[in-house]
Amino acid sequence: MELIHYARYFLSLAELGVILAVAIAGIWGAIQVIRTRDDAFMVIDRSKQNWMLLLGGAAVAALLLGTMGLSIAWIVAAVIVGIYWQDIRPAVRDVLDNSSDW
């Protein structure tokens, strides 16, 4: 019985670690969006303001709602942050570096 208790404790700590990682990635992404020029987002047909709000809201939702036990909040936040880091940020970086394949 004690082994099950330790396993649940470890899983809750692991979940907290993932929540904190999602929040940190969201905050760092929002800072990068703020520091990026507006025209880079216009070139990739995205809105800078929307991504600032999405990443900031995802970080807040992960920290506040995720730590209170609402698992779906940090999962949605992780998806938003993942989309930024895997899709939006590389596209913006390509635009800023002028490294297109054309």
N, C-alpha and C. Protein backbone atom coordinates (compact mmCIF):
# COMPACT_ATOMS: atom_id res chain seq x y z
N MET A 1 0.82 -1.20 0.00
CA MET A 1 0.00 0.00 0.00
C MET A 1 0.86 1.26 0.00
N GLU A 2 1.99 1.18 0.66
CA GLU A 2 2.86 2.33 0.72
C GLU A 2 3.47 2.64 -0.65
N LEU A 3 3.71 1.62 -1.45
CA LEU A 3 4.25 1.81 -2.79
C LEU A 3 3.28 2.60 -3.66
N ILE A 4 2.01 2.33 -3.54
CA ILE A 4 0.99 3.07 -4.30
C ILE A 4 0.97 4.53 -3.88
N HIS A 5 1.12 4.78 -2.61
CA HIS A 5 1.15 6.16 -2.10
C HIS A 5 2.34 6.91 -2.70
N TYR A 6 3.50 6.30 -2.72
CA TYR A 6 4.68 6.94 -3.29
C TYR A 6 4.54 7.14 -4.80
N ALA A 7 3.91 6.20 -5.47
CA ALA A 7 3.70 6.34 -6.91
C ALA A 7 2.78 7.51 -7.23
N ARG A 8 1.70 7.66 -6.47
CA ARG A 8 0.80 8.80 -6.67
C ARG A 8 1.51 10.11 -6.37
N TYR A 9 2.33 10.13 -5.34
CA TYR A 9 3.09 11.34 -4.99
C TYR A 9 4.06 11.70 -6.11
N PHE A 10 4.75 10.72 -6.66
CA PHE A 10 5.68 10.96 -7.76
C PHE A 10 4.95 11.48 -8.99
N LEU A 11 3.80 10.89 -9.31
CA LEU A 11 3.04 11.35 -10.47
C LEU A 11 2.52 12.76 -10.30
N SER A 12 2.11 13.12 -9.09
CA SER A 12 1.64 14.49 -8.87
C SER A 12 2.79 15.48 -8.97
N LEU A 13 3.97 15.10 -8.53
CA LEU A 13 5.14 15.97 -8.69
C LEU A 13 5.53 16.10 -10.16
N ALA A 14 5.44 15.00 -10.90
CA ALA A 14 5.75 15.05 -12.33
C ALA A 14 4.75 15.95 -13.06
N GLU A 15 3.48 15.85 -12.70
CA GLU A 15 2.46 16.71 -13.33
C GLU A 15 2.73 18.18 -13.01
N LEU A 16 3.11 18.47 -11.78
CA LEU A 16 3.44 19.84 -11.41
C LEU A 16 4.64 20.35 -12.20
N GLY A 17 5.61 19.48 -12.42
CA GLY A 17 6.77 19.86 -13.22
C GLY A 17 6.40 20.19 -14.66
N VAL A 18 5.50 19.41 -15.23
CA VAL A 18 5.05 19.67 -16.60
C VAL A 18 4.26 20.98 -16.65
N ILE A 19 3.43 21.21 -15.66
CA ILE A 19 2.65 22.46 -15.60
C ILE A 19 3.58 23.66 -15.54
N LEU A 20 4.60 23.58 -14.71
CA LEU A 20 5.55 24.69 -14.60
C LEU A 20 6.33 24.88 -15.90
N ALA A 21 6.69 23.79 -16.58
CA ALA A 21 7.39 23.90 -17.85
C ALA A 21 6.51 24.55 -18.91
N VAL A 22 5.23 24.21 -18.94
CA VAL A 22 4.30 24.82 -19.89
C VAL A 22 4.16 26.32 -19.60
N ALA A 23 4.05 26.67 -18.33
CA ALA A 23 3.91 28.08 -17.96
C ALA A 23 5.16 28.87 -18.33
N ILE A 24 6.33 28.31 -18.07
CA ILE A 24 7.57 29.01 -18.40
C ILE A 24 7.72 29.16 -19.91
N ALA A 25 7.40 28.12 -20.67
CA ALA A 25 7.47 28.20 -22.12
C ALA A 25 6.47 29.22 -22.66
N GLY A 26 5.29 29.32 -22.04
CA GLY A 26 4.30 30.31 -22.46
C GLY A 26 4.75 31.72 -22.17
N ILE A 27 5.33 31.94 -21.01
CA ILE A 27 5.82 33.28 -20.66
C ILE A 27 6.98 33.67 -21.56
N TRP A 28 7.91 32.75 -21.78
CA TRP A 28 9.04 33.04 -22.65
C TRP A 28 8.58 33.30 -24.09
N GLY A 29 7.60 32.55 -24.55
CA GLY A 29 7.06 32.78 -25.89
C GLY A 29 6.37 34.13 -26.00
N ALA A 30 5.63 34.52 -24.96
CA ALA A 30 4.97 35.83 -24.98
C ALA A 30 6.00 36.96 -25.01
N ILE A 31 7.09 36.79 -24.29
CA ILE A 31 8.15 37.80 -24.30
C ILE A 31 8.76 37.90 -25.69
N GLN A 32 8.97 36.76 -26.35
CA GLN A 32 9.51 36.78 -27.70
C GLN A 32 8.54 37.43 -28.68
N VAL A 33 7.26 37.18 -28.52
CA VAL A 33 6.27 37.81 -29.41
C VAL A 33 6.29 39.32 -29.22
N ILE A 34 6.38 39.77 -27.98
CA ILE A 34 6.40 41.21 -27.71
C ILE A 34 7.62 41.86 -28.36
N ARG A 35 8.75 41.18 -28.36
CA ARG A 35 9.99 41.74 -28.89
C ARG A 35 10.11 41.63 -30.40
N THR A 36 9.22 40.89 -31.05
CA THR A 36 9.29 40.67 -32.50
C THR A 36 8.54 41.78 -33.23
N ARG A 37 9.05 42.13 -34.40
CA ARG A 37 8.42 43.18 -35.21
C ARG A 37 7.04 42.74 -35.67
N ASP A 38 6.14 43.72 -35.84
CA ASP A 38 4.76 43.43 -36.28
C ASP A 38 4.71 42.87 -37.70
N ASP A 39 5.57 43.38 -38.59
CA ASP A 39 5.48 42.96 -39.98
C ASP A 39 5.87 41.50 -40.18
N ALA A 40 6.64 40.93 -39.28
CA ALA A 40 6.98 39.50 -39.40
C ALA A 40 5.74 38.63 -39.23
N PHE A 41 4.85 39.03 -38.36
CA PHE A 41 3.61 38.28 -38.18
C PHE A 41 2.64 38.52 -39.34
N MET A 42 2.68 39.72 -39.91
CA MET A 42 1.82 39.98 -41.07
C MET A 42 2.24 39.14 -42.27
N VAL A 43 3.53 38.90 -42.43
CA VAL A 43 4.02 38.11 -43.56
C VAL A 43 3.52 36.67 -43.46
N ILE A 44 3.49 36.10 -42.27
CA ILE A 44 3.02 34.71 -42.12
C ILE A 44 1.52 34.65 -41.89
N ASP A 45 0.84 35.78 -42.04
CA ASP A 45 -0.62 35.87 -41.96
C ASP A 45 -1.14 35.47 -40.58
N ARG A 46 -0.48 35.96 -39.54
CA ARG A 46 -0.91 35.75 -38.15
C ARG A 46 -0.96 37.10 -37.46
N SER A 47 -1.64 37.16 -36.34
CA SER A 47 -1.77 38.40 -35.58
C SER A 47 -0.86 38.36 -34.35
N LYS A 48 -0.03 39.37 -34.22
CA LYS A 48 0.88 39.44 -33.09
C LYS A 48 0.10 39.56 -31.78
N GLN A 49 -0.94 40.37 -31.76
CA GLN A 49 -1.72 40.57 -30.55
C GLN A 49 -2.41 39.29 -30.10
N ASN A 50 -2.92 38.53 -31.06
CA ASN A 50 -3.58 37.26 -30.70
C ASN A 50 -2.60 36.31 -30.04
N TRP A 51 -1.39 36.21 -30.56
CA TRP A 51 -0.42 35.28 -29.99
C TRP A 51 0.10 35.77 -28.64
N MET A 52 0.17 37.08 -28.45
CA MET A 52 0.53 37.58 -27.11
C MET A 52 -0.53 37.17 -26.10
N LEU A 53 -1.79 37.36 -26.46
CA LEU A 53 -2.88 37.00 -25.55
C LEU A 53 -2.98 35.49 -25.35
N LEU A 54 -2.82 34.72 -26.42
CA LEU A 54 -2.90 33.27 -26.29
C LEU A 54 -1.79 32.72 -25.38
N LEU A 55 -0.57 33.17 -25.59
CA LEU A 55 0.54 32.65 -24.78
C LEU A 55 0.46 33.13 -23.34
N GLY A 56 0.10 34.39 -23.14
CA GLY A 56 -0.05 34.89 -21.77
C GLY A 56 -1.20 34.20 -21.05
N GLY A 57 -2.31 34.02 -21.74
CA GLY A 57 -3.45 33.33 -21.13
C GLY A 57 -3.15 31.87 -20.85
N ALA A 58 -2.39 31.24 -21.74
CA ALA A 58 -2.02 29.85 -21.52
C ALA A 58 -1.13 29.71 -20.29
N ALA A 59 -0.20 30.63 -20.11
CA ALA A 59 0.68 30.57 -18.94
C ALA A 59 -0.11 30.78 -17.65
N VAL A 60 -1.02 31.73 -17.67
CA VAL A 60 -1.83 31.99 -16.47
C VAL A 60 -2.76 30.81 -16.19
N ALA A 61 -3.37 30.27 -17.23
CA ALA A 61 -4.27 29.13 -17.04
C ALA A 61 -3.52 27.91 -16.51
N ALA A 62 -2.32 27.69 -17.03
CA ALA A 62 -1.55 26.55 -16.55
C ALA A 62 -1.18 26.72 -15.08
N LEU A 63 -0.75 27.92 -14.71
CA LEU A 63 -0.35 28.14 -13.32
C LEU A 63 -1.53 28.14 -12.37
N LEU A 64 -2.57 28.88 -12.70
CA LEU A 64 -3.69 29.01 -11.76
C LEU A 64 -4.60 27.79 -11.76
N LEU A 65 -5.10 27.44 -12.92
CA LEU A 65 -6.07 26.35 -12.99
C LEU A 65 -5.42 24.98 -12.93
N GLY A 66 -4.23 24.86 -13.53
CA GLY A 66 -3.55 23.58 -13.52
C GLY A 66 -3.11 23.15 -12.14
N THR A 67 -2.65 24.10 -11.34
CA THR A 67 -2.23 23.74 -9.99
C THR A 67 -3.41 23.53 -9.05
N MET A 68 -4.60 23.98 -9.44
CA MET A 68 -5.78 23.75 -8.61
C MET A 68 -6.47 22.42 -8.93
N GLY A 69 -5.91 21.67 -9.87
CA GLY A 69 -6.46 20.36 -10.16
C GLY A 69 -7.30 20.27 -11.41
N LEU A 70 -7.44 21.35 -12.15
CA LEU A 70 -8.21 21.32 -13.39
C LEU A 70 -7.27 20.93 -14.53
N SER A 71 -7.17 19.65 -14.79
CA SER A 71 -6.18 19.12 -15.72
C SER A 71 -6.37 19.62 -17.14
N ILE A 72 -7.58 19.80 -17.56
CA ILE A 72 -7.84 20.19 -18.94
C ILE A 72 -7.24 21.57 -19.24
N ALA A 73 -7.13 22.43 -18.24
CA ALA A 73 -6.60 23.78 -18.45
C ALA A 73 -5.14 23.73 -18.87
N TRP A 74 -4.32 22.95 -18.17
CA TRP A 74 -2.91 22.95 -18.55
C TRP A 74 -2.68 22.13 -19.81
N ILE A 75 -3.57 21.19 -20.13
CA ILE A 75 -3.44 20.45 -21.38
C ILE A 75 -3.72 21.37 -22.56
N VAL A 76 -4.77 22.19 -22.46
CA VAL A 76 -5.07 23.16 -23.52
C VAL A 76 -3.94 24.17 -23.63
N ALA A 77 -3.41 24.61 -22.48
CA ALA A 77 -2.29 25.55 -22.48
C ALA A 77 -1.07 24.93 -23.16
N ALA A 78 -0.83 23.65 -22.92
CA ALA A 78 0.30 22.97 -23.54
C ALA A 78 0.14 22.89 -25.05
N VAL A 79 -1.08 22.69 -25.52
CA VAL A 79 -1.33 22.64 -26.96
C VAL A 79 -1.07 24.01 -27.59
N ILE A 80 -1.54 25.08 -26.96
CA ILE A 80 -1.34 26.43 -27.48
C ILE A 80 0.15 26.77 -27.52
N VAL A 81 0.85 26.49 -26.44
CA VAL A 81 2.28 26.77 -26.38
C VAL A 81 3.03 25.91 -27.39
N GLY A 82 2.64 24.67 -27.55
CA GLY A 82 3.28 23.80 -28.53
C GLY A 82 3.09 24.27 -29.96
N ILE A 83 1.91 24.75 -30.28
CA ILE A 83 1.66 25.28 -31.62
C ILE A 83 2.55 26.48 -31.89
N TYR A 84 2.69 27.34 -30.88
CA TYR A 84 3.57 28.50 -31.07
C TYR A 84 5.01 28.05 -31.33
N TRP A 85 5.53 27.18 -30.47
CA TRP A 85 6.94 26.82 -30.58
C TRP A 85 7.24 25.94 -31.80
N GLN A 86 6.28 25.18 -32.28
CA GLN A 86 6.54 24.28 -33.40
C GLN A 86 6.10 24.83 -34.75
N ASP A 87 5.23 25.82 -34.78
CA ASP A 87 4.72 26.32 -36.05
C ASP A 87 4.98 27.81 -36.24
N ILE A 88 4.55 28.61 -35.29
CA ILE A 88 4.61 30.06 -35.46
C ILE A 88 6.04 30.58 -35.32
N ARG A 89 6.74 30.20 -34.27
CA ARG A 89 8.08 30.72 -34.04
C ARG A 89 9.06 30.38 -35.16
N PRO A 90 9.09 29.13 -35.68
CA PRO A 90 9.99 28.87 -36.82
C PRO A 90 9.64 29.69 -38.06
N ALA A 91 8.35 29.92 -38.30
CA ALA A 91 7.94 30.72 -39.46
C ALA A 91 8.38 32.16 -39.30
N VAL A 92 8.24 32.70 -38.11
CA VAL A 92 8.67 34.08 -37.85
C VAL A 92 10.19 34.17 -37.98
N ARG A 93 10.88 33.19 -37.46
CA ARG A 93 12.35 33.20 -37.55
C ARG A 93 12.80 33.14 -39.01
N ASP A 94 12.12 32.33 -39.84
CA ASP A 94 12.46 32.28 -41.26
C ASP A 94 12.25 33.62 -41.93
N VAL A 95 11.17 34.30 -41.57
CA VAL A 95 10.89 35.61 -42.16
C VAL A 95 11.96 36.61 -41.73
N LEU A 96 12.32 36.60 -40.47
CA LEU A 96 13.31 37.56 -39.97
C LEU A 96 14.71 37.28 -40.50
N ASP A 97 15.02 36.01 -40.76
CA ASP A 97 16.34 35.66 -41.27
C ASP A 97 16.42 35.68 -42.79
N ASN A 98 15.29 35.92 -43.46
CA ASN A 98 15.21 35.90 -44.92
C ASN A 98 15.69 34.57 -45.47
N SER A 99 15.37 33.48 -44.79
CA SER A 99 15.85 32.17 -45.25
C SER A 99 14.70 31.34 -45.81
N SER A 100 14.08 31.85 -46.84
CA SER A 100 13.00 31.09 -47.47
C SER A 100 13.59 30.18 -48.55
N ASP A 101 12.83 29.20 -48.95
CA ASP A 101 13.27 28.25 -49.97
C ASP A 101 12.91 28.68 -51.38
N TRP A 102 12.49 29.89 -51.58
CA TRP A 102 12.04 30.34 -52.89
C TRP A 102 13.22 30.64 -53.75
